[in-house]
Amino acid sequence: MAKMQNNRIDKKVKSKSTEEIQENMEFSFFSPGATNVYVAGGFNGWGTQSLPMKGDEDGIWRSKVKLLPGR
């Protein structure tokens, strides 16, 4: 069974349009047998194919998303 490994804050960047601080979040997921993995949540309208993850040779899938604090 696949499981979520971690969520972590990489760094903070300033948004040009809103001048608010955004956090660059990295999502990772362990699933060696997967062929496609996507991130879905309230921050992307639960779009099940809008944020694809990239898999590595160890079966760990990753994707980075810029989010406003509290999101």
Protein backbone atom coordinates (compact mmCIF):
# COMPACT_ATOMS: atom_id res chain seq x y z
CA MET A 1 0.00 0.00 0.00
CA ALA A 2 1.32 3.41 -0.93
CA LYS A 3 1.68 6.06 1.74
CA MET A 4 2.35 9.79 1.95
CA GLN A 5 5.97 10.37 2.95
CA ASN A 6 6.08 14.04 3.87
CA ASN A 7 5.10 17.61 3.16
CA ARG A 8 7.77 20.23 3.68
CA ILE A 9 8.38 23.91 3.16
CA ASP A 10 11.36 24.45 0.85
CA LYS A 11 11.58 28.22 0.78
CA LYS A 12 9.52 31.38 0.73
CA VAL A 13 9.15 33.50 -2.40
CA LYS A 14 7.36 36.78 -3.01
CA SER A 15 4.42 36.81 -5.40
CA LYS A 16 4.78 39.57 -7.99
CA SER A 17 1.04 40.14 -8.35
CA THR A 18 -0.09 40.09 -4.71
CA GLU A 19 3.15 40.95 -2.88
CA GLU A 20 2.19 38.24 -0.37
CA ILE A 21 4.62 35.58 0.79
CA GLN A 22 4.07 32.19 -0.85
CA GLU A 23 5.44 28.91 0.44
CA ASN A 24 6.91 26.43 -2.03
CA MET A 25 5.50 23.11 -0.79
CA GLU A 26 6.88 19.78 -1.93
CA PHE A 27 4.58 16.78 -1.89
CA SER A 28 6.07 13.30 -2.10
CA PHE A 29 4.40 9.91 -2.42
CA PHE A 30 5.89 6.41 -2.44
CA SER A 31 4.41 4.10 -5.07
CA PRO A 32 6.94 2.04 -7.05
CA GLY A 33 4.30 0.41 -9.28
CA ALA A 34 2.48 3.61 -10.26
CA THR A 35 2.58 4.95 -13.81
CA ASN A 36 0.93 8.33 -13.06
CA VAL A 37 0.43 10.23 -9.79
CA TYR A 38 -1.30 13.60 -9.29
CA VAL A 39 -1.76 16.02 -6.37
CA ALA A 40 -5.33 17.15 -5.70
CA GLY A 41 -6.63 19.43 -2.96
CA GLY A 42 -8.69 22.47 -2.17
CA PHE A 43 -5.87 24.68 -3.51
CA ASN A 44 -6.45 23.38 -7.06
CA GLY A 45 -10.20 22.76 -6.94
CA TRP A 46 -9.59 19.04 -6.40
CA GLY A 47 -8.47 18.80 -10.03
CA THR A 48 -7.40 15.18 -10.24
CA GLN A 49 -5.09 15.72 -13.22
CA SER A 50 -3.98 19.35 -12.90
CA LEU A 51 -0.79 18.75 -10.85
CA PRO A 52 1.20 15.75 -12.09
CA MET A 53 4.02 14.36 -9.98
CA LYS A 54 7.36 13.11 -11.36
CA GLY A 55 8.57 9.67 -10.31
CA ASP A 56 12.14 8.58 -9.71
CA GLU A 57 13.84 5.18 -9.97
CA ASP A 58 13.14 4.49 -6.26
CA GLY A 59 9.36 4.81 -6.70
CA ILE A 60 9.12 8.22 -5.02
CA TRP A 61 6.89 10.74 -6.79
CA ARG A 62 7.34 14.49 -6.17
CA SER A 63 5.66 17.77 -7.08
CA LYS A 64 6.22 21.36 -5.90
CA VAL A 65 3.34 23.82 -5.50
CA LYS A 66 3.43 27.50 -4.45
CA LEU A 67 0.76 28.12 -1.82
CA LEU A 68 -0.22 31.10 0.27
CA PRO A 69 0.17 30.59 4.04
CA GLY A 70 -2.83 28.91 5.65
CA ARG A 71 -3.78 27.15 2.45
